[in-house]
């Protein structure tokens, strides 16, 4: 068929089908990129909040050396509360930080700080921290253990996971797990030291 010949109904139908296929392909591509943006922007925002929490922690060394022992935890808890408020309160922050913990390590390098901040979310963060106990990054697991201990009796649903983790843990991790379990069970300091 040369360029001057009139088009036949078959060629018109073929062009029409091709235009429809291209439109469908363009719609699928646009939907894919929109989904990527909808996932990436909140992840980038979370990454920024966790990064600021980490960068604020750089001055932790000053607080560590120049503040009395009790002031260090107050200072750190204040930073965590500020991050939680920036993320929309404890319940919303727990959901968002739980999603951040599931991001790949190459994208979310400070996931252990997210586990630390989750400890300030109270009972809303317990499920996310229990999932973090199975993380492949030891720092994330360590901060999840500490955060569960910080939550205390509201983290009772984490007891079986902590006990299971304690069976295969190193001696240092086992001590942290025992401390967290004691805080969750509400044991007094004297009762823990007699137990050992």
N, C-alpha and C. Protein backbone atom coordinates (compact mmCIF):
# COMPACT_ATOMS: atom_id res chain seq x y z
N UNK A 1 0.85 -1.17 0.00
CA UNK A 1 0.00 0.00 0.00
C UNK A 1 0.89 1.23 0.00
N UNK A 2 0.71 2.09 -0.97
CA UNK A 2 1.50 3.31 -1.03
C UNK A 2 0.81 4.41 -0.22
N UNK A 3 1.48 5.51 -0.04
CA UNK A 3 0.95 6.60 0.78
C UNK A 3 -0.24 7.30 0.17
N UNK A 4 -0.49 7.16 -1.18
CA UNK A 4 -1.58 7.88 -1.85
C UNK A 4 -2.88 7.09 -1.88
N UNK A 5 -2.81 5.81 -1.60
CA UNK A 5 -4.02 4.99 -1.70
C UNK A 5 -4.97 5.29 -0.56
N UNK A 6 -6.26 5.21 -0.85
CA UNK A 6 -7.23 5.46 0.24
C UNK A 6 -7.13 4.35 1.28
N UNK A 7 -7.41 4.70 2.51
CA UNK A 7 -7.30 3.69 3.57
C UNK A 7 -8.52 2.80 3.56
N UNK A 8 -8.28 1.56 3.84
CA UNK A 8 -9.36 0.58 3.87
C UNK A 8 -9.90 0.49 5.29
N UNK A 9 -11.08 -0.06 5.43
CA UNK A 9 -11.63 -0.19 6.78
C UNK A 9 -10.73 -1.01 7.70
N UNK A 10 -10.01 -2.01 7.15
CA UNK A 10 -9.12 -2.82 7.99
C UNK A 10 -7.96 -2.00 8.53
N UNK A 11 -7.37 -1.15 7.69
CA UNK A 11 -6.23 -0.36 8.16
C UNK A 11 -6.69 0.69 9.19
N UNK A 12 -7.90 1.24 8.98
CA UNK A 12 -8.43 2.19 9.97
C UNK A 12 -8.67 1.50 11.30
N UNK A 13 -9.19 0.32 11.29
CA UNK A 13 -9.45 -0.43 12.52
C UNK A 13 -8.13 -0.78 13.21
N UNK A 14 -7.13 -1.12 12.38
CA UNK A 14 -5.82 -1.44 12.95
C UNK A 14 -5.22 -0.22 13.64
N UNK A 15 -5.29 0.96 13.00
CA UNK A 15 -4.76 2.18 13.61
C UNK A 15 -5.53 2.53 14.88
N UNK A 16 -6.83 2.34 14.84
CA UNK A 16 -7.65 2.62 16.01
C UNK A 16 -7.25 1.71 17.17
N UNK A 17 -7.08 0.42 16.91
CA UNK A 17 -6.66 -0.52 17.96
C UNK A 17 -5.28 -0.14 18.50
N UNK A 18 -4.40 0.28 17.59
CA UNK A 18 -3.06 0.68 18.02
C UNK A 18 -3.10 1.92 18.92
N UNK A 19 -3.95 2.90 18.56
CA UNK A 19 -4.10 4.10 19.40
C UNK A 19 -4.66 3.74 20.77
N UNK A 20 -5.62 2.85 20.82
CA UNK A 20 -6.21 2.42 22.10
C UNK A 20 -5.15 1.70 22.94
N UNK A 21 -4.36 0.83 22.31
CA UNK A 21 -3.32 0.11 23.04
C UNK A 21 -2.28 1.07 23.60
N UNK A 22 -1.91 2.07 22.80
CA UNK A 22 -0.95 3.07 23.28
C UNK A 22 -1.52 3.91 24.43
N UNK A 23 -2.80 4.23 24.34
CA UNK A 23 -3.45 5.00 25.41
C UNK A 23 -3.50 4.18 26.70
N UNK A 24 -3.81 2.89 26.58
CA UNK A 24 -3.83 2.02 27.76
C UNK A 24 -2.43 1.91 28.35
N UNK A 25 -1.43 1.73 27.51
CA UNK A 25 -0.05 1.65 27.98
C UNK A 25 0.37 2.94 28.67
N UNK A 26 -0.02 4.08 28.12
CA UNK A 26 0.31 5.37 28.74
C UNK A 26 -0.40 5.51 30.09
N UNK A 27 -1.64 5.06 30.18
CA UNK A 27 -2.37 5.14 31.45
C UNK A 27 -1.73 4.23 32.51
N UNK A 28 -1.31 3.05 32.11
CA UNK A 28 -0.64 2.14 33.05
C UNK A 28 0.68 2.73 33.52
N UNK A 29 1.44 3.31 32.61
CA UNK A 29 2.72 3.93 32.96
C UNK A 29 2.51 5.10 33.91
N UNK A 30 1.51 5.93 33.62
CA UNK A 30 1.22 7.07 34.50
C UNK A 30 0.79 6.59 35.89
N UNK A 31 -0.02 5.54 35.95
CA UNK A 31 -0.46 5.00 37.24
C UNK A 31 0.73 4.45 38.02
N UNK A 32 1.64 3.79 37.33
CA UNK A 32 2.84 3.25 37.99
C UNK A 32 3.67 4.38 38.61
N UNK A 33 3.93 5.43 37.83
CA UNK A 33 4.75 6.53 38.35
C UNK A 33 4.04 7.29 39.45
N UNK A 34 2.73 7.41 39.36
CA UNK A 34 1.97 8.06 40.42
C UNK A 34 2.07 7.24 41.71
N UNK A 35 1.96 5.92 41.59
CA UNK A 35 2.10 5.06 42.77
C UNK A 35 3.50 5.19 43.36
N UNK A 36 4.51 5.26 42.50
CA UNK A 36 5.89 5.44 42.99
C UNK A 36 6.02 6.74 43.76
N UNK A 37 5.43 7.81 43.25
CA UNK A 37 5.49 9.10 43.93
C UNK A 37 4.73 9.07 45.25
N UNK A 38 3.58 8.41 45.26
CA UNK A 38 2.80 8.34 46.48
C UNK A 38 3.53 7.56 47.58
N UNK A 39 4.37 6.62 47.19
CA UNK A 39 5.16 5.87 48.16
C UNK A 39 6.43 6.64 48.51
N UNK A 40 7.05 7.25 47.53
CA UNK A 40 8.35 7.88 47.75
C UNK A 40 8.26 9.15 48.58
N UNK A 41 7.27 10.00 48.34
CA UNK A 41 7.21 11.26 49.09
C UNK A 41 7.03 11.05 50.59
N UNK A 42 6.07 10.21 51.02
CA UNK A 42 5.99 9.98 52.47
C UNK A 42 7.25 9.33 53.02
N UNK A 43 7.85 8.43 52.24
CA UNK A 43 9.08 7.78 52.70
C UNK A 43 10.20 8.80 52.85
N UNK A 44 10.28 9.74 51.92
CA UNK A 44 11.30 10.77 52.02
C UNK A 44 11.05 11.69 53.22
N UNK A 45 9.78 11.98 53.48
CA UNK A 45 9.46 12.80 54.65
C UNK A 45 9.87 12.08 55.93
N UNK A 46 9.52 10.79 56.02
CA UNK A 46 9.91 10.00 57.19
C UNK A 46 11.43 9.94 57.32
N UNK A 47 12.06 9.77 56.19
CA UNK A 47 13.52 9.70 56.20
C UNK A 47 14.10 11.00 56.75
N UNK A 48 13.50 12.13 56.39
CA UNK A 48 13.96 13.42 56.89
C UNK A 48 13.76 13.56 58.39
N UNK A 49 12.61 13.10 58.90
CA UNK A 49 12.35 13.20 60.34
C UNK A 49 13.33 12.33 61.11
N UNK A 50 13.54 11.10 60.65
CA UNK A 50 14.46 10.19 61.33
C UNK A 50 15.88 10.71 61.22
N UNK A 51 16.21 11.28 60.07
CA UNK A 51 17.56 11.85 59.89
C UNK A 51 17.79 13.00 60.87
N UNK A 52 16.77 13.87 61.05
CA UNK A 52 16.91 14.97 62.00
C UNK A 52 17.06 14.43 63.42
N UNK A 53 16.30 13.38 63.75
CA UNK A 53 16.43 12.77 65.07
C UNK A 53 17.86 12.26 65.26
N UNK A 54 18.42 11.67 64.20
CA UNK A 54 19.80 11.16 64.25
C UNK A 54 20.79 12.32 64.39
N UNK A 55 20.60 13.37 63.59
CA UNK A 55 21.53 14.50 63.64
C UNK A 55 21.46 15.23 64.97
N UNK A 56 20.25 15.31 65.56
CA UNK A 56 20.13 15.89 66.89
C UNK A 56 20.88 15.03 67.89
N UNK A 57 20.95 13.74 67.61
CA UNK A 57 21.65 12.81 68.50
C UNK A 57 23.15 13.00 68.46
N UNK A 58 23.67 13.69 67.46
CA UNK A 58 25.10 13.93 67.42
C UNK A 58 25.55 14.76 68.61
N UNK A 59 24.66 15.64 69.09
CA UNK A 59 25.03 16.42 70.26
C UNK A 59 24.75 15.64 71.55
N UNK A 60 24.34 14.37 71.41
CA UNK A 60 24.15 13.51 72.57
C UNK A 60 25.45 13.39 73.35
N UNK A 61 26.55 13.39 72.64
CA UNK A 61 27.84 13.25 73.31
C UNK A 61 28.06 14.41 74.28
N UNK A 62 27.65 15.61 73.87
CA UNK A 62 27.77 16.75 74.79
C UNK A 62 26.91 16.52 76.01
N UNK A 63 25.66 16.09 75.80
CA UNK A 63 24.78 15.83 76.93
C UNK A 63 25.33 14.70 77.79
N UNK A 64 25.95 13.73 77.16
CA UNK A 64 26.48 12.58 77.88
C UNK A 64 27.61 13.00 78.82
N UNK A 65 28.45 13.88 78.37
CA UNK A 65 29.61 14.24 79.18
C UNK A 65 29.35 15.43 80.11
N UNK A 66 28.39 16.28 79.77
CA UNK A 66 28.21 17.49 80.54
C UNK A 66 26.93 17.54 81.37
N UNK A 67 26.05 16.59 81.19
CA UNK A 67 24.79 16.58 81.94
C UNK A 67 24.82 15.47 82.99
N UNK A 68 24.09 15.63 84.08
CA UNK A 68 23.99 14.55 85.07
C UNK A 68 23.32 13.33 84.45
N UNK A 69 23.55 12.13 85.00
CA UNK A 69 23.05 10.91 84.38
C UNK A 69 21.55 10.89 84.07
N UNK A 70 20.70 11.38 84.95
CA UNK A 70 19.27 11.35 84.70
C UNK A 70 18.82 12.26 83.57
N UNK A 71 19.58 13.30 83.28
CA UNK A 71 19.21 14.28 82.26
C UNK A 71 19.33 13.73 80.84
N UNK A 72 20.23 12.74 80.64
CA UNK A 72 20.44 12.22 79.29
C UNK A 72 19.16 11.61 78.71
N UNK A 73 18.49 10.78 79.50
CA UNK A 73 17.27 10.15 79.01
C UNK A 73 16.15 11.16 78.80
N UNK A 74 16.07 12.15 79.66
CA UNK A 74 15.05 13.19 79.51
C UNK A 74 15.28 13.93 78.20
N UNK A 75 16.52 14.23 77.92
CA UNK A 75 16.88 14.95 76.70
C UNK A 75 16.50 14.12 75.47
N UNK A 76 16.82 12.82 75.51
CA UNK A 76 16.52 11.94 74.38
C UNK A 76 15.02 11.75 74.22
N UNK A 77 14.30 11.60 75.32
CA UNK A 77 12.84 11.46 75.25
C UNK A 77 12.19 12.71 74.69
N UNK A 78 12.73 13.87 75.01
CA UNK A 78 12.20 15.12 74.47
C UNK A 78 12.34 15.15 72.95
N UNK A 79 13.48 14.69 72.46
CA UNK A 79 13.69 14.63 71.00
C UNK A 79 12.72 13.65 70.36
N UNK A 80 12.51 12.51 71.00
CA UNK A 80 11.59 11.51 70.45
C UNK A 80 10.16 12.06 70.43
N UNK A 81 9.75 12.74 71.50
CA UNK A 81 8.40 13.33 71.52
C UNK A 81 8.23 14.37 70.41
N UNK A 82 9.28 15.15 70.17
CA UNK A 82 9.20 16.14 69.09
C UNK A 82 9.05 15.45 67.73
N UNK A 83 9.77 14.36 67.52
CA UNK A 83 9.64 13.62 66.25
C UNK A 83 8.25 13.02 66.12
N UNK A 84 7.70 12.49 67.21
CA UNK A 84 6.35 11.89 67.18
C UNK A 84 5.31 12.95 66.87
N UNK A 85 5.43 14.11 67.47
CA UNK A 85 4.48 15.19 67.18
C UNK A 85 4.60 15.65 65.73
N UNK A 86 5.81 15.68 65.21
CA UNK A 86 6.01 16.08 63.82
C UNK A 86 5.37 15.07 62.86
N UNK A 87 5.30 13.82 63.28
CA UNK A 87 4.70 12.77 62.45
C UNK A 87 3.20 12.63 62.66
N UNK A 88 2.60 13.44 63.52
CA UNK A 88 1.15 13.43 63.65
C UNK A 88 0.61 12.74 64.88
N UNK A 89 1.37 12.61 65.94
CA UNK A 89 0.89 11.98 67.16
C UNK A 89 1.29 10.51 67.23
N UNK A 90 1.11 9.88 68.40
CA UNK A 90 1.60 8.52 68.60
C UNK A 90 1.04 7.47 67.64
N UNK A 91 -0.27 7.45 67.43
CA UNK A 91 -0.86 6.42 66.58
C UNK A 91 -0.39 6.55 65.13
N UNK A 92 -0.46 7.76 64.61
CA UNK A 92 -0.04 7.99 63.21
C UNK A 92 1.47 7.80 63.07
N UNK A 93 2.24 8.25 64.05
CA UNK A 93 3.69 8.08 64.00
C UNK A 93 4.05 6.60 64.03
N UNK A 94 3.34 5.81 64.83
CA UNK A 94 3.62 4.38 64.90
C UNK A 94 3.38 3.72 63.54
N UNK A 95 2.29 4.07 62.88
CA UNK A 95 2.02 3.50 61.55
C UNK A 95 3.11 3.90 60.56
N UNK A 96 3.46 5.16 60.57
CA UNK A 96 4.43 5.67 59.59
C UNK A 96 5.83 5.13 59.87
N UNK A 97 6.22 5.06 61.15
CA UNK A 97 7.55 4.54 61.47
C UNK A 97 7.61 3.03 61.22
N UNK A 98 6.50 2.33 61.41
CA UNK A 98 6.45 0.91 61.07
C UNK A 98 6.69 0.70 59.58
N UNK A 99 6.11 1.58 58.77
CA UNK A 99 6.35 1.50 57.32
C UNK A 99 7.81 1.83 57.01
N UNK A 100 8.38 2.77 57.73
CA UNK A 100 9.79 3.14 57.52
C UNK A 100 10.70 1.97 57.85
N UNK A 101 10.36 1.21 58.88
CA UNK A 101 11.18 0.06 59.26
C UNK A 101 11.19 -1.03 58.19
N UNK A 102 10.15 -1.06 57.36
CA UNK A 102 10.09 -2.06 56.28
C UNK A 102 10.83 -1.64 55.02
N UNK A 103 11.30 -0.39 54.98
CA UNK A 103 12.04 0.07 53.81
C UNK A 103 13.41 -0.61 53.75
N UNK A 104 13.98 -0.74 52.55
CA UNK A 104 15.30 -1.37 52.45
C UNK A 104 16.38 -0.54 53.13
N UNK A 105 17.41 -1.21 53.60
CA UNK A 105 18.49 -0.56 54.34
C UNK A 105 19.19 0.51 53.52
N UNK A 106 19.33 0.31 52.20
CA UNK A 106 20.04 1.29 51.37
C UNK A 106 19.28 2.61 51.30
N UNK A 107 17.95 2.56 51.49
CA UNK A 107 17.15 3.78 51.42
C UNK A 107 16.98 4.40 52.80
N UNK A 108 16.87 3.57 53.82
CA UNK A 108 16.60 4.02 55.18
C UNK A 108 17.75 3.59 56.08
N UNK A 109 18.82 4.34 56.05
CA UNK A 109 20.03 3.95 56.78
C UNK A 109 19.87 4.06 58.29
N UNK A 110 18.93 4.86 58.77
CA UNK A 110 18.78 5.08 60.20
C UNK A 110 17.52 4.42 60.75
N UNK A 111 17.24 3.20 60.29
CA UNK A 111 16.04 2.52 60.75
C UNK A 111 16.07 2.25 62.25
N UNK A 112 17.27 2.08 62.81
CA UNK A 112 17.36 1.83 64.25
C UNK A 112 16.86 3.04 65.04
N UNK A 113 17.02 4.24 64.50
CA UNK A 113 16.49 5.42 65.17
C UNK A 113 14.96 5.42 65.12
N UNK A 114 14.40 4.89 64.04
CA UNK A 114 12.95 4.78 63.96
C UNK A 114 12.44 3.83 65.05
N UNK A 115 13.17 2.74 65.29
CA UNK A 115 12.79 1.82 66.37
C UNK A 115 12.90 2.51 67.72
N UNK A 116 13.87 3.36 67.87
CA UNK A 116 14.04 4.11 69.11
C UNK A 116 12.86 5.06 69.32
N UNK A 117 12.47 5.79 68.29
CA UNK A 117 11.35 6.74 68.40
C UNK A 117 10.04 5.99 68.65
N UNK A 118 9.90 4.78 68.09
CA UNK A 118 8.68 4.00 68.30
C UNK A 118 8.45 3.72 69.78
N UNK A 119 9.49 3.67 70.58
CA UNK A 119 9.33 3.46 72.01
C UNK A 119 8.55 4.58 72.67
N UNK A 120 8.57 5.76 72.08
CA UNK A 120 7.81 6.89 72.62
C UNK A 120 6.36 6.88 72.19
N UNK A 121 5.99 5.99 71.29
CA UNK A 121 4.60 5.92 70.82
C UNK A 121 3.72 5.10 71.75
N UNK A 122 4.32 4.45 72.74
CA UNK A 122 3.54 3.67 73.69
C UNK A 122 2.97 2.41 73.06
N UNK A 123 1.77 2.05 73.48
CA UNK A 123 1.15 0.80 73.04
C UNK A 123 0.93 0.77 71.52
N UNK A 124 0.80 1.93 70.89
CA UNK A 124 0.57 1.98 69.44
C UNK A 124 1.77 1.43 68.67
N UNK A 125 2.96 1.48 69.24
CA UNK A 125 4.15 1.03 68.53
C UNK A 125 4.57 -0.40 68.82
N UNK A 126 3.86 -1.09 69.70
CA UNK A 126 4.29 -2.43 70.14
C UNK A 126 4.32 -3.42 68.97
N UNK A 127 3.27 -3.46 68.17
CA UNK A 127 3.23 -4.41 67.05
C UNK A 127 4.36 -4.19 66.06
N UNK A 128 4.66 -2.94 65.79
CA UNK A 128 5.76 -2.63 64.87
C UNK A 128 7.10 -3.03 65.45
N UNK A 129 7.26 -2.84 66.77
CA UNK A 129 8.51 -3.22 67.42
C UNK A 129 8.67 -4.73 67.49
N UNK A 130 7.57 -5.45 67.66
CA UNK A 130 7.64 -6.92 67.65
C UNK A 130 8.11 -7.39 66.27
N UNK A 131 7.59 -6.77 65.21
CA UNK A 131 8.07 -7.11 63.85
C UNK A 131 9.53 -6.76 63.69
N UNK A 132 9.97 -5.66 64.32
CA UNK A 132 11.37 -5.23 64.21
C UNK A 132 12.32 -6.20 64.91
N UNK A 133 11.81 -7.01 65.84
CA UNK A 133 12.66 -8.00 66.51
C UNK A 133 13.17 -9.06 65.54
N UNK A 134 12.50 -9.22 64.41
CA UNK A 134 12.91 -10.19 63.40
C UNK A 134 13.73 -9.55 62.28
N UNK A 135 14.09 -8.29 62.43
CA UNK A 135 14.85 -7.58 61.39
C UNK A 135 16.25 -8.19 61.25
N UNK A 136 16.81 -8.08 60.06
CA UNK A 136 18.16 -8.63 59.84
C UNK A 136 19.26 -7.71 60.35
N UNK A 137 18.93 -6.47 60.67
CA UNK A 137 19.90 -5.51 61.21
C UNK A 137 19.92 -5.60 62.74
N UNK A 138 21.07 -5.90 63.31
CA UNK A 138 21.19 -6.07 64.76
C UNK A 138 20.89 -4.78 65.50
N UNK A 139 21.22 -3.62 64.90
CA UNK A 139 20.94 -2.35 65.57
C UNK A 139 19.44 -2.12 65.70
N UNK A 140 18.69 -2.48 64.66
CA UNK A 140 17.23 -2.33 64.72
C UNK A 140 16.67 -3.23 65.81
N UNK A 141 17.15 -4.48 65.89
CA UNK A 141 16.68 -5.39 66.94
C UNK A 141 17.02 -4.86 68.32
N UNK A 142 18.24 -4.35 68.49
CA UNK A 142 18.65 -3.84 69.80
C UNK A 142 17.79 -2.67 70.25
N UNK A 143 17.52 -1.73 69.34
CA UNK A 143 16.68 -0.59 69.70
C UNK A 143 15.23 -0.99 69.91
N UNK A 144 14.78 -2.00 69.18
CA UNK A 144 13.41 -2.50 69.39
C UNK A 144 13.28 -3.10 70.79
N UNK A 145 14.31 -3.84 71.24
CA UNK A 145 14.30 -4.41 72.58
C UNK A 145 14.25 -3.30 73.62
N UNK A 146 15.11 -2.31 73.48
CA UNK A 146 15.13 -1.19 74.43
C UNK A 146 13.80 -0.44 74.44
N UNK A 147 13.26 -0.22 73.27
CA UNK A 147 12.00 0.52 73.18
C UNK A 147 10.85 -0.25 73.82
N UNK A 148 10.83 -1.58 73.63
CA UNK A 148 9.78 -2.37 74.28
C UNK A 148 9.91 -2.29 75.80
N UNK A 149 11.13 -2.30 76.30
CA UNK A 149 11.33 -2.12 77.73
C UNK A 149 10.89 -0.76 78.20
N UNK A 150 11.12 0.26 77.37
CA UNK A 150 10.72 1.63 77.72
C UNK A 150 9.20 1.75 77.78
N UNK A 151 8.50 1.03 76.91
CA UNK A 151 7.03 1.08 76.91
C UNK A 151 6.49 0.46 78.19
N UNK A 152 7.15 -0.58 78.68
CA UNK A 152 6.77 -1.18 79.95
C UNK A 152 5.58 -2.13 79.85
N UNK A 153 4.70 -2.14 80.86
CA UNK A 153 3.59 -3.10 80.91
C UNK A 153 2.65 -3.05 79.71
N UNK A 154 2.59 -1.95 78.99
CA UNK A 154 1.74 -1.88 77.80
C UNK A 154 2.27 -2.76 76.66
N UNK A 155 3.48 -3.27 76.80
CA UNK A 155 4.10 -4.08 75.75
C UNK A 155 4.01 -5.57 76.06
N UNK A 156 3.00 -5.99 76.81
CA UNK A 156 2.89 -7.40 77.21
C UNK A 156 2.79 -8.35 76.01
N UNK A 157 2.22 -7.90 74.91
CA UNK A 157 2.10 -8.78 73.75
C UNK A 157 3.46 -9.13 73.14
N UNK A 158 4.50 -8.42 73.54
CA UNK A 158 5.84 -8.68 73.01
C UNK A 158 6.59 -9.73 73.82
N UNK A 159 6.07 -10.14 74.95
CA UNK A 159 6.79 -11.08 75.82
C UNK A 159 7.15 -12.38 75.11
N UNK A 160 6.21 -13.06 74.40
CA UNK A 160 6.61 -14.31 73.72
C UNK A 160 7.71 -14.10 72.68
N UNK A 161 7.64 -13.01 71.94
CA UNK A 161 8.67 -12.74 70.92
C UNK A 161 10.02 -12.47 71.58
N UNK A 162 10.02 -11.73 72.68
CA UNK A 162 11.28 -11.45 73.38
C UNK A 162 11.87 -12.73 73.98
N UNK A 163 11.02 -13.56 74.55
CA UNK A 163 11.50 -14.83 75.13
C UNK A 163 12.09 -15.72 74.04
N UNK A 164 11.43 -15.79 72.89
CA UNK A 164 11.95 -16.60 71.78
C UNK A 164 13.27 -16.05 71.27
N UNK A 165 13.38 -14.74 71.20
CA UNK A 165 14.61 -14.11 70.75
C UNK A 165 15.75 -14.33 71.74
N UNK A 166 15.42 -14.37 73.02
CA UNK A 166 16.42 -14.56 74.06
C UNK A 166 17.07 -15.92 74.06
N UNK A 167 16.41 -16.91 73.50
CA UNK A 167 16.96 -18.27 73.49
C UNK A 167 18.20 -18.39 72.61
N UNK A 168 18.23 -17.66 71.51
CA UNK A 168 19.35 -17.75 70.57
C UNK A 168 20.25 -16.53 70.59
N UNK A 169 20.08 -15.65 71.56
CA UNK A 169 20.80 -14.37 71.56
C UNK A 169 22.17 -14.51 72.22
N UNK A 170 23.01 -13.54 71.92
CA UNK A 170 24.33 -13.46 72.55
C UNK A 170 24.14 -13.03 74.01
N UNK A 171 25.16 -13.19 74.84
CA UNK A 171 25.01 -12.81 76.25
C UNK A 171 24.63 -11.34 76.45
N UNK A 172 25.21 -10.44 75.67
CA UNK A 172 24.86 -9.03 75.79
C UNK A 172 23.41 -8.77 75.41
N UNK A 173 22.97 -9.37 74.32
CA UNK A 173 21.59 -9.20 73.89
C UNK A 173 20.63 -9.85 74.89
N UNK A 174 21.03 -10.99 75.43
CA UNK A 174 20.20 -11.68 76.41
C UNK A 174 19.99 -10.80 77.65
N UNK A 175 21.04 -10.09 78.08
CA UNK A 175 20.91 -9.19 79.23
C UNK A 175 19.93 -8.06 78.93
N UNK A 176 20.00 -7.50 77.72
CA UNK A 176 19.07 -6.43 77.32
C UNK A 176 17.64 -6.97 77.26
N UNK A 177 17.48 -8.20 76.77
CA UNK A 177 16.14 -8.81 76.69
C UNK A 177 15.59 -9.04 78.08
N UNK A 178 16.42 -9.54 78.99
CA UNK A 178 15.97 -9.77 80.37
C UNK A 178 15.56 -8.46 81.04
N UNK A 179 16.32 -7.42 80.78
CA UNK A 179 15.99 -6.11 81.34
C UNK A 179 14.65 -5.60 80.79
N UNK A 180 14.46 -5.75 79.49
CA UNK A 180 13.20 -5.32 78.87
C UNK A 180 12.03 -6.14 79.41
N UNK A 181 12.22 -7.45 79.56
CA UNK A 181 11.16 -8.30 80.09
C UNK A 181 10.81 -7.91 81.53
N UNK A 182 11.82 -7.59 82.31
CA UNK A 182 11.57 -7.19 83.69
C UNK A 182 10.77 -5.89 83.72
N UNK A 183 11.09 -4.95 82.85
CA UNK A 183 10.34 -3.68 82.81
C UNK A 183 8.91 -3.92 82.35
N UNK A 184 8.74 -4.82 81.39
CA UNK A 184 7.39 -5.11 80.88
C UNK A 184 6.56 -5.79 81.97
N UNK A 185 7.18 -6.69 82.70
CA UNK A 185 6.46 -7.40 83.77
C UNK A 185 6.29 -6.55 85.02
N UNK A 186 6.97 -5.41 85.06
CA UNK A 186 6.84 -4.50 86.19
C UNK A 186 7.62 -4.94 87.41
N UNK A 187 8.69 -5.71 87.21
CA UNK A 187 9.50 -6.17 88.33
C UNK A 187 10.33 -5.01 88.88
N UNK A 188 10.54 -5.05 90.17
CA UNK A 188 11.36 -4.04 90.82
C UNK A 188 12.83 -4.33 90.58
N UNK A 189 13.69 -3.33 90.75
CA UNK A 189 15.13 -3.47 90.53
C UNK A 189 15.73 -4.50 91.48
N UNK A 190 15.28 -4.51 92.73
CA UNK A 190 15.82 -5.44 93.71
C UNK A 190 15.46 -6.88 93.35
N UNK A 191 14.27 -7.10 92.83
CA UNK A 191 13.83 -8.44 92.46
C UNK A 191 14.66 -8.96 91.29
N UNK A 192 15.02 -8.08 90.39
CA UNK A 192 15.84 -8.51 89.25
C UNK A 192 17.24 -8.91 89.69
N UNK A 193 17.83 -8.12 90.60
CA UNK A 193 19.19 -8.43 91.01
C UNK A 193 19.23 -9.71 91.85
N UNK A 194 18.19 -10.02 92.61
CA UNK A 194 18.15 -11.28 93.36
C UNK A 194 18.00 -12.46 92.43
N UNK A 195 17.31 -12.26 91.33
CA UNK A 195 17.06 -13.32 90.35
C UNK A 195 18.35 -13.79 89.70
N UNK A 196 19.27 -12.88 89.46
CA UNK A 196 20.51 -13.18 88.76
C UNK A 196 21.42 -13.93 89.62
